[in-house]
Amino acid sequence: MADPRVSATGPYGPHESSHALAAAGPKRGEKVKLISNGTEVAGDPRGLRLEPEQVIVLRLP
């Protein structure tokens, strides 16, 4: 059975791509929130250690 979260044109829908999502970043002065396994991560997100089965959410303003 196909995964219902993934469309026939990709996981981001028919008119979006991973690049389009990256380009939708914050405006000047706004901050993106990084959430890992339900907990907000403070500091530089590049320091986040990736783990198997980890759920990462980037919340745009």
N, C-alpha and C. Protein backbone atom coordinates (compact mmCIF):
# COMPACT_ATOMS: atom_id res chain seq x y z
N MET A 1 0.85 -1.18 0.00
CA MET A 1 0.00 0.00 0.00
C MET A 1 0.89 1.24 0.00
N ALA A 2 0.54 2.23 -0.80
CA ALA A 2 1.32 3.46 -0.90
C ALA A 2 1.15 4.31 0.35
N ASP A 3 2.19 5.06 0.65
CA ASP A 3 2.15 5.97 1.80
C ASP A 3 1.29 7.17 1.44
N PRO A 4 0.18 7.44 2.15
CA PRO A 4 -0.71 8.55 1.79
C PRO A 4 -0.08 9.92 2.00
N ARG A 5 1.02 9.99 2.74
CA ARG A 5 1.67 11.28 2.97
C ARG A 5 2.52 11.71 1.78
N VAL A 6 2.78 10.80 0.85
CA VAL A 6 3.63 11.10 -0.29
C VAL A 6 2.77 11.12 -1.55
N SER A 7 2.73 12.26 -2.22
CA SER A 7 1.92 12.37 -3.42
C SER A 7 2.63 11.73 -4.60
N ALA A 8 1.92 11.58 -5.70
CA ALA A 8 2.50 10.99 -6.90
C ALA A 8 3.63 11.85 -7.45
N THR A 9 3.64 13.13 -7.10
CA THR A 9 4.67 14.02 -7.61
C THR A 9 5.77 14.27 -6.59
N GLY A 10 5.71 13.64 -5.45
CA GLY A 10 6.75 13.80 -4.44
C GLY A 10 6.16 14.13 -3.09
N PRO A 11 6.98 14.08 -2.05
CA PRO A 11 6.48 14.29 -0.69
C PRO A 11 6.05 15.72 -0.40
N TYR A 12 6.42 16.67 -1.26
CA TYR A 12 6.13 18.07 -0.98
C TYR A 12 4.93 18.60 -1.75
N GLY A 13 4.26 17.75 -2.49
CA GLY A 13 3.10 18.17 -3.27
C GLY A 13 3.47 18.49 -4.70
N PRO A 14 2.48 18.82 -5.51
CA PRO A 14 2.71 18.96 -6.95
C PRO A 14 3.52 20.18 -7.37
N HIS A 15 3.55 21.23 -6.56
CA HIS A 15 4.21 22.45 -6.99
C HIS A 15 5.36 22.87 -6.08
N GLU A 16 5.76 21.99 -5.20
CA GLU A 16 6.83 22.33 -4.28
C GLU A 16 7.91 21.27 -4.32
N SER A 17 9.08 21.64 -3.88
CA SER A 17 10.20 20.71 -3.80
C SER A 17 10.94 21.02 -2.51
N SER A 18 11.94 20.21 -2.19
CA SER A 18 12.73 20.49 -0.99
C SER A 18 13.41 21.84 -1.13
N HIS A 19 13.76 22.25 -2.35
CA HIS A 19 14.41 23.55 -2.57
C HIS A 19 13.43 24.69 -2.33
N ALA A 20 12.18 24.51 -2.75
CA ALA A 20 11.16 25.55 -2.53
C ALA A 20 10.90 25.73 -1.05
N LEU A 21 10.89 24.63 -0.30
CA LEU A 21 10.69 24.74 1.14
C LEU A 21 11.85 25.47 1.80
N ALA A 22 13.06 25.19 1.36
CA ALA A 22 14.23 25.86 1.93
C ALA A 22 14.20 27.35 1.62
N ALA A 23 13.70 27.71 0.45
CA ALA A 23 13.62 29.12 0.05
C ALA A 23 12.54 29.86 0.83
N ALA A 24 11.67 29.14 1.51
CA ALA A 24 10.58 29.76 2.26
C ALA A 24 11.02 30.12 3.67
N GLY A 25 12.29 30.38 3.84
CA GLY A 25 12.85 30.67 5.16
C GLY A 25 12.31 31.95 5.76
N PRO A 26 12.81 32.29 6.94
CA PRO A 26 12.30 33.47 7.65
C PRO A 26 12.71 34.77 6.99
N LYS A 27 11.91 35.78 7.24
CA LYS A 27 12.26 37.12 6.79
C LYS A 27 13.26 37.71 7.78
N ARG A 28 13.85 38.80 7.40
CA ARG A 28 14.83 39.45 8.26
C ARG A 28 14.24 39.72 9.65
N GLY A 29 14.95 39.29 10.68
CA GLY A 29 14.51 39.49 12.05
C GLY A 29 13.68 38.36 12.61
N GLU A 30 13.21 37.45 11.76
CA GLU A 30 12.43 36.30 12.24
C GLU A 30 13.36 35.11 12.48
N LYS A 31 12.95 34.23 13.36
CA LYS A 31 13.76 33.06 13.68
C LYS A 31 12.97 31.79 13.42
N VAL A 32 13.68 30.77 12.96
CA VAL A 32 13.10 29.45 12.76
C VAL A 32 13.29 28.67 14.06
N LYS A 33 12.24 27.96 14.49
CA LYS A 33 12.36 27.13 15.69
C LYS A 33 12.70 25.71 15.26
N LEU A 34 13.68 25.12 15.91
CA LEU A 34 14.06 23.74 15.65
C LEU A 34 13.55 22.88 16.80
N ILE A 35 12.78 21.85 16.47
CA ILE A 35 12.22 20.96 17.48
C ILE A 35 12.68 19.55 17.17
N SER A 36 13.27 18.90 18.15
CA SER A 36 13.76 17.53 17.99
C SER A 36 13.05 16.64 19.00
N ASN A 37 12.33 15.65 18.48
CA ASN A 37 11.58 14.73 19.34
C ASN A 37 10.70 15.45 20.35
N GLY A 38 10.07 16.54 19.90
CA GLY A 38 9.12 17.26 20.75
C GLY A 38 9.72 18.31 21.67
N THR A 39 11.06 18.48 21.64
CA THR A 39 11.72 19.45 22.50
C THR A 39 12.41 20.51 21.66
N GLU A 40 12.15 21.79 21.97
CA GLU A 40 12.80 22.87 21.23
C GLU A 40 14.30 22.85 21.51
N VAL A 41 15.08 23.00 20.44
CA VAL A 41 16.54 22.98 20.54
C VAL A 41 17.04 24.41 20.53
N ALA A 42 17.79 24.78 21.55
CA ALA A 42 18.35 26.14 21.64
C ALA A 42 19.74 26.14 21.00
N GLY A 43 20.17 27.31 20.59
CA GLY A 43 21.52 27.45 20.05
C GLY A 43 21.58 27.13 18.57
N ASP A 44 22.78 26.86 18.11
CA ASP A 44 23.05 26.62 16.69
C ASP A 44 22.52 25.25 16.28
N PRO A 45 21.59 25.18 15.34
CA PRO A 45 21.03 23.89 14.94
C PRO A 45 22.04 22.97 14.26
N ARG A 46 23.15 23.53 13.79
CA ARG A 46 24.17 22.68 13.16
C ARG A 46 24.82 21.75 14.18
N GLY A 47 24.67 22.04 15.46
CA GLY A 47 25.24 21.21 16.51
C GLY A 47 24.34 20.05 16.92
N LEU A 48 23.14 19.96 16.33
CA LEU A 48 22.20 18.89 16.69
C LEU A 48 22.75 17.55 16.22
N ARG A 49 22.89 16.63 17.12
CA ARG A 49 23.34 15.29 16.78
C ARG A 49 22.15 14.49 16.25
N LEU A 50 22.31 13.92 15.07
CA LEU A 50 21.24 13.16 14.45
C LEU A 50 21.25 11.72 14.95
N GLU A 51 20.07 11.22 15.24
CA GLU A 51 19.89 9.87 15.78
C GLU A 51 18.90 9.11 14.91
N PRO A 52 18.97 7.77 14.89
CA PRO A 52 17.98 6.99 14.15
C PRO A 52 16.58 7.25 14.70
N GLU A 53 15.61 7.30 13.83
CA GLU A 53 14.19 7.47 14.17
C GLU A 53 13.88 8.82 14.82
N GLN A 54 14.78 9.77 14.74
CA GLN A 54 14.58 11.10 15.33
C GLN A 54 13.56 11.87 14.48
N VAL A 55 12.69 12.61 15.15
CA VAL A 55 11.72 13.46 14.48
C VAL A 55 12.17 14.90 14.62
N ILE A 56 12.41 15.55 13.49
CA ILE A 56 12.88 16.93 13.49
C ILE A 56 11.84 17.79 12.80
N VAL A 57 11.50 18.92 13.45
CA VAL A 57 10.52 19.86 12.91
C VAL A 57 11.18 21.22 12.86
N LEU A 58 11.06 21.91 11.71
CA LEU A 58 11.47 23.30 11.59
C LEU A 58 10.19 24.11 11.50
N ARG A 59 9.98 24.98 12.46
CA ARG A 59 8.76 25.78 12.49
C ARG A 59 9.09 27.19 12.02
N LEU A 60 8.51 27.56 10.88
CA LEU A 60 8.71 28.91 10.35
C LEU A 60 7.70 29.85 10.97
N PRO A 61 8.10 31.12 11.15
CA PRO A 61 7.18 32.09 11.74
C PRO A 61 5.96 32.31 10.89
